[in-house]
Protein backbone atom coordinates (compact mmCIF):
# COMPACT_ATOMS: atom_id res chain seq x y z
CA MET A 1 -11.86 15.04 5.56
CA ALA A 2 -11.80 13.54 1.96
CA LEU A 3 -10.24 15.40 -0.71
CA THR A 4 -12.01 17.75 -3.21
CA LEU A 5 -11.42 17.02 -6.81
CA GLY A 6 -9.64 20.77 -6.82
CA GLN A 7 -7.43 19.97 -3.88
CA TYR A 8 -6.05 16.46 -5.27
CA LEU A 9 -5.28 18.01 -8.68
CA GLY A 10 -3.93 21.01 -6.87
CA SER A 11 -1.78 18.48 -4.88
CA ILE A 12 -1.03 16.30 -7.56
CA ARG A 13 0.44 19.48 -9.64
CA LEU A 14 2.71 20.32 -6.71
CA ASP A 15 4.00 17.14 -5.78
CA ARG A 16 4.90 17.15 -9.39
CA LYS A 17 6.82 20.82 -9.44
CA MET A 18 4.60 22.08 -12.38
CA SER A 19 3.15 25.23 -12.67
CA LEU A 20 -0.29 25.80 -14.19
CA ARG A 21 1.03 26.51 -17.66
CA GLN A 22 3.30 23.29 -17.58
CA VAL A 23 -0.02 21.45 -17.43
CA GLU A 24 -1.71 23.28 -19.77
CA GLU A 25 1.67 22.44 -22.17
CA ALA A 26 1.74 18.99 -20.94
CA THR A 27 -2.04 18.48 -21.63
CA ASN A 28 -1.24 20.19 -25.20
CA LYS A 29 -3.03 23.06 -24.91
CA GLU A 30 -6.26 20.69 -24.09
CA VAL A 31 -7.06 22.55 -21.04
CA SER A 32 -5.78 25.98 -20.27
CA ASN A 33 -4.11 27.24 -17.25
CA ALA A 34 -7.18 29.21 -16.12
CA TYR A 35 -9.34 26.60 -16.35
CA ILE A 36 -6.76 24.42 -14.21
CA SER A 37 -6.96 27.13 -11.82
CA GLN A 38 -10.70 27.58 -11.38
CA LEU A 39 -11.04 23.62 -11.18
CA GLU A 40 -8.00 23.99 -8.35
CA ASN A 41 -9.72 26.50 -6.84
CA GLY A 42 -13.38 24.85 -6.53
CA ARG A 43 -14.97 27.16 -8.88
CA ILE A 44 -15.42 24.42 -11.34
CA THR A 45 -16.49 20.82 -10.09
CA THR A 46 -17.44 18.89 -12.60
CA PRO A 47 -15.25 18.92 -15.77
CA SER A 48 -15.93 16.55 -18.24
CA PRO A 49 -14.48 12.98 -18.49
CA ASN A 50 -12.36 13.89 -21.86
CA VAL A 51 -10.69 16.84 -19.57
CA LEU A 52 -10.35 14.62 -16.69
CA HIS A 53 -8.82 11.83 -19.13
CA THR A 54 -6.45 14.19 -20.28
CA LEU A 55 -5.47 15.75 -16.88
CA ALA A 56 -5.45 11.78 -15.67
CA GLU A 57 -2.41 11.51 -18.63
CA ALA A 58 -0.97 14.78 -18.05
CA TYR A 59 0.00 14.23 -14.26
CA GLY A 60 0.28 9.92 -14.14
CA VAL A 61 -2.25 9.21 -12.02
CA ASP A 62 -5.16 7.01 -11.87
CA TYR A 63 -8.49 8.04 -14.23
CA ILE A 64 -10.84 6.43 -12.27
CA THR A 65 -10.04 8.47 -9.11
CA LEU A 66 -10.44 11.63 -10.68
CA MET A 67 -13.91 10.49 -12.23
CA GLN A 68 -14.99 9.23 -8.52
CA LEU A 69 -13.56 13.05 -7.15
CA ALA A 70 -15.97 14.41 -9.92
CA GLY A 71 -18.65 12.06 -8.49
CA TYR A 72 -18.93 10.32 -12.27
CA LEU A 73 -18.50 7.46 -10.47
CA PRO A 74 -18.74 5.84 -6.44
CA ALA A 75 -15.58 6.20 -4.55
CA ALA A 76 -14.19 3.23 -3.83
CA SER A 77 -15.24 3.23 0.08
CA GLU A 78 -18.90 2.69 -1.41
CA ARG A 79 -17.50 -0.20 -3.30
CA PRO A 80 -16.75 -2.31 -0.42
CA ASP A 81 -15.55 -5.32 -2.41
CA GLN A 82 -13.14 -3.40 -4.51
CA ALA A 83 -11.84 -1.45 -1.71
CA ARG A 84 -7.91 -1.15 -1.21
CA HIS A 85 -6.82 -1.96 2.25
CA GLY A 86 -3.42 -2.57 4.17
CA ARG A 87 -0.53 -2.88 2.09
CA ALA A 88 -1.91 -1.78 -0.91
CA ALA A 89 -3.10 1.60 -0.05
CA THR A 90 0.62 2.21 1.58
CA PHE A 91 1.84 1.79 -2.20
CA ALA A 92 -1.23 3.66 -3.75
CA GLU A 93 0.19 5.88 -6.12
CA HIS A 94 -1.72 8.99 -4.36
CA ASN A 95 0.23 8.30 -1.31
CA LEU A 96 4.03 8.68 -2.51
CA SER A 97 5.90 11.39 -3.90
CA LYS A 98 7.68 11.17 -7.08
CA ASP A 99 10.88 10.53 -5.23
CA GLU A 100 9.49 7.58 -3.27
CA GLU A 101 7.82 6.31 -6.58
CA VAL A 102 11.37 6.56 -8.32
CA GLU A 103 13.08 4.76 -5.20
CA LEU A 104 10.05 1.86 -5.15
CA LEU A 105 10.75 1.14 -8.56
CA ASP A 106 14.60 1.16 -8.51
CA TYR A 107 14.28 -1.19 -5.56
CA LEU A 108 11.48 -3.52 -7.71
CA GLN A 109 14.08 -2.99 -10.51
CA PHE A 110 17.06 -4.89 -8.14
CA LEU A 111 14.87 -7.50 -7.01
CA ARG A 112 13.93 -8.69 -10.58
CA THR A 113 17.44 -8.92 -11.51
CA LYS A 114 18.87 -10.44 -7.75
CA LYS A 115 15.81 -12.91 -8.88
CA ARG A 116 17.29 -13.99 -12.66
CA THR A 117 20.67 -14.45 -11.03
């Protein structure tokens, strides 16, 4: 079963260990903590693209993914030419915890330095 927009936003927020108020602050109070709560609980299912863009920046996630989950754009599975598969899906941002992302970036930096020598 696919995640709803609210479930996705909630999982990202919890993964980032952020409170609703911290997200509100991260959006420069453009999105209130009450609004975020309503999004996560499914009371609001189609926020404006501006709100989605603000949340994408605050969470450091892909804006297109949020637009797809909100129903503004077709899902990647509906566009087979652009769908991720194999290794790309494994390393997609939403499949990694923050710690895993940091470790991967550190390892990538190590590999790049190693190639220079």
